[in-house]
Amino acid sequence: MVEVICEIGKNWIIHPETTKEEALNNAKFLALKAHESMADTLKTQCHVFSDEQNKRNESRHEWIRANENLTPYEFYKELKDYVESLGMKFLVTPFSKLAAMKINDLVDRWKIASCDLTDYELLRYVAETKKPVIVSTGMSSMPEIMKALDILTSHGSKITLMHCISMYPTPEKKLNLNTINFYKKGFPNFKIGFSDHSQSLFAPSLAVAMGAEIIEKHLTLDKGAYGPDHLTSLVPREFKKMVQEIRRTEHIIGTEDKILYEEEKLLWETFRK
């Protein structure tokens, strides 16, 4: 069965004065809505400002600092416990080596964001943990992807390669889902998935029909809330509809076996020559 990852990112920030208590409560409520929307996995993000300030554009500095201030280690621990109590898996995207170190003991696999395929310090640390890695490939050339994969597989980690377009939101005409076929042919030993930043409820099902084994999509409670990710996210009713269509698609796809159904055999006498 295809794994559906609900990405809440930093959508637990809903206004500039969000407090630590609000952030955790908002994250838990988003987790509950993800569970009600039939997601398999809940994913958030982790920043450590001191480890990013010399790597990120300065325009991002205050946003990164605000994120770190709202998320001490206890934020992730309490959120993980709550997520797992709902029966979902817990996943975090670290945005630097120190961020990965901060939450290493809370995760059993990693998600690497498209923007960090050239953060080799982060990639080497993640590789050394030998945990499975989900790798998004937006805003990246094939040489950059190959170099990142060389590092991530250096200690034997299992890889899921995610087709992704880094536009927020992505227009449907630029989703280029045939990249899934390109990855399946080029990386037959990897799982292939689709991290979708479009507003489409149809594209994830189509990606599943093309062989995607993981679908990732953002969730928010309000597309107009404060922060960069709300606009590219689905609200709970949309997310649930998307998951329902994915499950429907799986049923329609069925198996690669040639099945002769009993209902077909009933027509032999009428139609066979």
Protein backbone atom coordinates (compact mmCIF):
# COMPACT_ATOMS: atom_id res chain seq x y z
CA MET A 1 0.00 0.00 0.00
CA VAL A 2 1.23 3.48 -0.88
CA GLU A 3 2.44 5.49 2.12
CA VAL A 4 0.83 8.93 2.46
CA ILE A 5 2.99 11.45 4.30
CA CYS A 6 1.21 14.47 5.75
CA GLU A 7 3.69 17.33 5.80
CA ILE A 8 2.75 19.92 8.41
CA GLY A 9 6.16 21.56 8.01
CA LYS A 10 5.97 24.76 10.03
CA ASN A 11 2.24 25.24 9.54
CA TRP A 12 1.86 25.18 13.31
CA ILE A 13 2.97 28.83 13.10
CA ILE A 14 -0.24 30.71 12.32
CA HIS A 15 0.66 34.29 13.31
CA PRO A 16 3.91 36.19 14.04
CA GLU A 17 3.43 36.05 17.82
CA THR A 18 2.85 32.29 18.03
CA THR A 19 4.09 31.00 21.42
CA LYS A 20 5.78 27.70 22.22
CA GLU A 21 2.59 26.40 23.82
CA GLU A 22 0.52 27.44 20.81
CA ALA A 23 3.03 25.89 18.40
CA LEU A 24 2.87 22.50 20.11
CA ASN A 25 -0.91 22.60 20.46
CA ASN A 26 -1.28 23.60 16.82
CA ALA A 27 1.08 20.81 15.72
CA LYS A 28 -0.89 18.26 17.71
CA PHE A 29 -4.16 19.48 16.23
CA LEU A 30 -2.71 19.22 12.73
CA ALA A 31 -1.58 15.69 13.60
CA LEU A 32 -5.12 14.83 14.68
CA LYS A 33 -6.50 16.20 11.41
CA ALA A 34 -3.86 14.23 9.49
CA HIS A 35 -4.99 11.08 11.28
CA GLU A 36 -8.65 11.84 10.54
CA SER A 37 -7.66 12.40 6.92
CA MET A 38 -6.16 8.88 6.81
CA ALA A 39 -2.50 9.85 6.53
CA ASP A 40 0.06 7.18 7.40
CA THR A 41 2.88 9.46 8.51
CA LEU A 42 3.14 12.92 10.07
CA LYS A 43 6.17 15.00 9.12
CA THR A 44 7.49 18.28 10.50
CA GLN A 45 10.75 20.23 10.19
CA CYS A 46 13.72 21.10 12.41
CA HIS A 47 16.07 24.11 12.32
CA VAL A 48 19.15 25.15 14.29
CA PHE A 49 19.87 28.78 13.47
CA SER A 50 23.56 28.77 14.39
CA ASP A 51 24.16 25.94 11.93
CA GLU A 52 22.31 27.61 9.05
CA GLN A 53 23.12 31.30 9.29
CA ASN A 54 26.25 31.03 7.14
CA LYS A 55 24.54 28.76 4.59
CA ARG A 56 21.11 30.29 4.04
CA ASN A 57 20.23 33.58 2.39
CA GLU A 58 19.98 36.29 5.02
CA SER A 59 16.36 36.93 4.08
CA ARG A 60 15.58 33.60 5.76
CA HIS A 61 17.44 34.27 9.01
CA GLU A 62 14.61 35.65 11.15
CA TRP A 63 12.23 32.92 9.97
CA ILE A 64 14.77 30.21 10.87
CA ARG A 65 15.49 31.79 14.26
CA ALA A 66 11.76 31.99 15.03
CA ASN A 67 11.32 28.33 14.13
CA GLU A 68 14.14 27.20 16.41
CA ASN A 69 12.86 29.31 19.30
CA LEU A 70 9.47 27.58 19.11
CA THR A 71 10.82 24.03 18.93
CA PRO A 72 13.04 22.81 21.77
CA TYR A 73 13.76 19.09 21.89
CA GLU A 74 10.66 18.60 24.04
CA PHE A 75 8.46 19.87 21.18
CA TYR A 76 9.52 16.96 18.97
CA LYS A 77 9.41 14.40 21.78
CA GLU A 78 5.87 15.32 22.83
CA LEU A 79 4.67 15.56 19.23
CA LYS A 80 6.21 12.18 18.38
CA ASP A 81 4.50 10.54 21.35
CA TYR A 82 1.17 12.03 20.35
CA VAL A 83 1.56 11.07 16.68
CA GLU A 84 2.40 7.49 17.55
CA SER A 85 -0.53 7.32 19.99
CA LEU A 86 -2.74 8.03 16.96
CA GLY A 87 -1.19 5.11 15.09
CA MET A 88 0.85 7.17 12.63
CA LYS A 89 4.58 7.19 11.98
CA PHE A 90 6.69 10.23 12.86
CA LEU A 91 9.15 11.88 10.48
CA VAL A 92 11.28 15.04 10.59
CA THR A 93 13.20 16.98 7.97
CA PRO A 94 16.40 18.42 9.52
CA PHE A 95 17.79 21.48 7.76
CA SER A 96 21.38 21.12 8.98
CA LYS A 97 23.73 18.66 10.67
CA LEU A 98 23.02 20.08 14.13
CA ALA A 99 19.28 19.87 13.46
CA ALA A 100 19.69 16.20 12.55
CA MET A 101 21.72 15.61 15.69
CA LYS A 102 19.02 17.33 17.74
CA ILE A 103 16.31 14.86 16.77
CA ASN A 104 18.34 11.78 15.79
CA ASP A 105 17.10 9.65 18.67
CA LEU A 106 13.46 10.44 17.82
CA VAL A 107 13.43 9.26 14.20
CA ASP A 108 14.03 5.92 12.52
CA ARG A 109 14.43 7.43 9.04
CA TRP A 110 15.19 10.81 7.51
CA LYS A 111 13.64 13.17 5.00
CA ILE A 112 16.06 15.41 3.09
CA ALA A 113 14.55 18.54 1.56
CA SER A 114 15.32 19.48 -2.04
CA CYS A 115 17.17 22.60 -0.92
CA ASP A 116 19.69 20.53 1.03
CA LEU A 117 20.96 18.17 -1.65
CA THR A 118 24.16 20.23 -1.65
CA ASP A 119 24.54 20.42 2.16
CA TYR A 120 27.18 17.70 2.21
CA GLU A 121 27.86 18.05 5.93
CA LEU A 122 24.21 17.17 6.63
CA LEU A 123 24.19 14.37 4.08
CA ARG A 124 27.34 12.76 5.52
CA TYR A 125 25.93 12.81 9.04
CA VAL A 126 22.63 11.29 7.88
CA ALA A 127 24.49 8.62 5.90
CA GLU A 128 26.55 7.66 8.93
CA THR A 129 23.40 6.88 10.93
CA LYS A 130 22.59 4.16 8.35
CA LYS A 131 18.88 4.95 8.65
CA PRO A 132 16.59 4.93 5.58
CA VAL A 133 16.42 8.27 3.75
CA ILE A 134 13.66 9.90 1.72
CA VAL A 135 15.22 12.37 -0.72
CA SER A 136 13.30 15.12 -2.51
CA THR A 137 14.82 16.26 -5.80
CA GLY A 138 13.25 19.65 -6.60
CA MET A 139 15.46 22.56 -7.71
CA SER A 140 18.27 20.04 -8.42
CA SER A 141 20.20 18.93 -11.50
CA MET A 142 21.01 15.28 -12.15
CA PRO A 143 24.72 15.75 -11.31
CA GLU A 144 23.69 17.28 -7.95
CA ILE A 145 21.27 14.41 -7.32
CA MET A 146 23.88 11.78 -8.18
CA LYS A 147 26.50 13.34 -5.88
CA ALA A 148 24.00 13.49 -3.01
CA LEU A 149 23.02 9.86 -3.58
CA ASP A 150 26.66 8.78 -3.60
CA ILE A 151 27.03 10.26 -0.12
CA LEU A 152 23.71 8.99 1.23
CA THR A 153 24.31 5.41 0.08
CA SER A 154 27.93 5.30 1.29
CA HIS A 155 26.94 3.45 4.48
CA GLY A 156 24.19 1.32 2.97
CA SER A 157 21.08 3.38 3.74
CA LYS A 158 17.90 2.47 1.88
CA ILE A 159 16.76 5.31 -0.37
CA THR A 160 13.39 6.60 -1.50
CA LEU A 161 13.80 9.11 -4.33
CA MET A 162 11.01 11.66 -4.53
CA HIS A 163 10.08 13.46 -7.72
CA CYS A 164 9.43 17.05 -6.71
CA ILE A 165 8.99 20.47 -8.34
CA SER A 166 10.06 23.35 -6.12
CA MET A 167 7.37 25.87 -7.03
CA TYR A 168 4.93 26.98 -4.37
CA PRO A 169 2.31 26.18 -5.53
CA THR A 170 3.31 24.17 -8.61
CA PRO A 171 1.10 24.61 -11.70
CA GLU A 172 -0.28 21.28 -12.94
CA LYS A 173 1.27 21.83 -16.37
CA LYS A 174 4.74 21.82 -14.78
CA LEU A 175 4.39 18.70 -12.60
CA ASN A 176 6.08 16.51 -15.25
CA LEU A 177 5.09 13.22 -13.63
CA ASN A 178 6.97 11.26 -16.28
CA THR A 179 10.03 11.92 -14.14
CA ILE A 180 8.67 9.09 -11.99
CA ASN A 181 9.20 6.71 -14.93
CA PHE A 182 12.67 8.19 -15.49
CA TYR A 183 13.60 7.48 -11.86
CA LYS A 184 12.09 3.99 -11.90
CA LYS A 185 14.25 3.08 -14.91
CA GLY A 186 17.38 4.80 -13.62
CA PHE A 187 17.18 3.66 -9.99
CA PRO A 188 15.56 0.21 -9.98
CA ASN A 189 16.78 -0.55 -6.44
CA PHE A 190 15.20 2.56 -4.92
CA LYS A 191 11.63 3.25 -3.94
CA ILE A 192 10.24 6.13 -5.98
CA GLY A 193 7.77 8.67 -4.63
CA PHE A 194 6.18 12.04 -5.34
CA SER A 195 6.39 15.14 -3.12
CA ASP A 196 3.61 17.38 -4.43
CA HIS A 197 3.49 21.14 -4.00
CA SER A 198 0.53 21.66 -6.32
CA GLN A 199 -3.07 22.24 -5.27
CA SER A 200 -4.17 19.27 -7.40
CA LEU A 201 -6.14 16.45 -5.79
CA PHE A 202 -5.72 14.38 -8.98
CA ALA A 203 -1.93 14.46 -9.46
CA PRO A 204 -1.10 12.21 -6.45
CA SER A 205 -3.45 9.48 -7.69
CA LEU A 206 -1.94 9.72 -11.16
CA ALA A 207 1.53 9.45 -9.61
CA VAL A 208 0.42 6.29 -7.80
CA ALA A 209 -0.87 4.85 -11.10
CA MET A 210 2.60 5.54 -12.53
CA GLY A 211 4.30 3.62 -9.72
CA ALA A 212 4.91 6.10 -6.90
CA GLU A 213 5.19 4.24 -3.57
CA ILE A 214 5.11 7.31 -1.31
CA ILE A 215 3.03 10.49 -1.65
CA GLU A 216 3.86 13.60 0.36
CA LYS A 217 1.53 16.60 0.62
CA HIS A 218 1.26 19.63 2.93
CA LEU A 219 -1.63 20.13 5.35
CA THR A 220 -2.91 23.37 6.87
CA LEU A 221 -6.03 24.56 8.68
CA ASP A 222 -6.01 27.91 6.89
CA LYS A 223 -4.39 28.64 3.52
CA GLY A 224 -4.28 32.33 4.40
CA ALA A 225 -2.39 31.93 7.67
CA TYR A 226 1.02 33.49 8.40
CA GLY A 227 4.02 31.74 6.84
CA PRO A 228 5.18 30.51 3.42
CA ASP A 229 3.73 26.99 3.31
CA HIS A 230 0.03 27.48 4.05
CA LEU A 231 -0.80 28.58 0.50
CA THR A 232 0.66 25.41 -1.01
CA SER A 233 -1.14 23.12 1.44
CA LEU A 234 -4.45 21.28 1.46
CA VAL A 235 -7.07 21.78 4.16
CA PRO A 236 -8.27 18.60 5.93
CA ARG A 237 -11.33 17.91 3.74
CA GLU A 238 -9.13 18.20 0.63
CA PHE A 239 -6.41 16.01 2.13
CA LYS A 240 -8.93 13.33 3.05
CA LYS A 241 -10.39 13.40 -0.46
CA MET A 242 -6.89 13.04 -1.90
CA VAL A 243 -6.18 9.97 0.27
CA GLN A 244 -9.53 8.43 -0.67
CA GLU A 245 -8.68 8.85 -4.36
CA ILE A 246 -5.24 7.31 -3.82
CA ARG A 247 -6.81 4.25 -2.18
CA ARG A 248 -9.39 4.06 -4.97
CA THR A 249 -6.59 4.21 -7.52
CA GLU A 250 -4.77 1.35 -5.80
CA HIS A 251 -7.89 -0.80 -5.99
CA ILE A 252 -8.36 -0.01 -9.67
CA ILE A 253 -4.70 -0.74 -10.50
CA GLY A 254 -4.91 -4.14 -8.84
CA THR A 255 -2.24 -6.76 -9.46
CA GLU A 256 0.09 -7.56 -12.35
CA ASP A 257 -1.33 -11.10 -12.48
CA LYS A 258 -3.78 -12.04 -15.23
CA ILE A 259 -6.94 -12.92 -13.33
CA LEU A 260 -9.82 -14.89 -14.79
CA TYR A 261 -12.78 -14.01 -12.60
CA GLU A 262 -15.57 -16.47 -11.87
CA GLU A 263 -18.02 -13.89 -13.18
CA GLU A 264 -16.28 -14.09 -16.56
CA LYS A 265 -16.56 -17.87 -16.66
CA LEU A 266 -20.33 -17.58 -16.40
CA LEU A 267 -20.35 -16.05 -19.88
CA TRP A 268 -18.47 -18.90 -21.56
CA GLU A 269 -21.57 -20.74 -22.73
CA THR A 270 -23.02 -17.62 -24.26
CA PHE A 271 -20.00 -16.12 -25.98
CA ARG A 272 -17.35 -18.83 -26.50
CA LYS A 273 -17.18 -20.49 -29.93
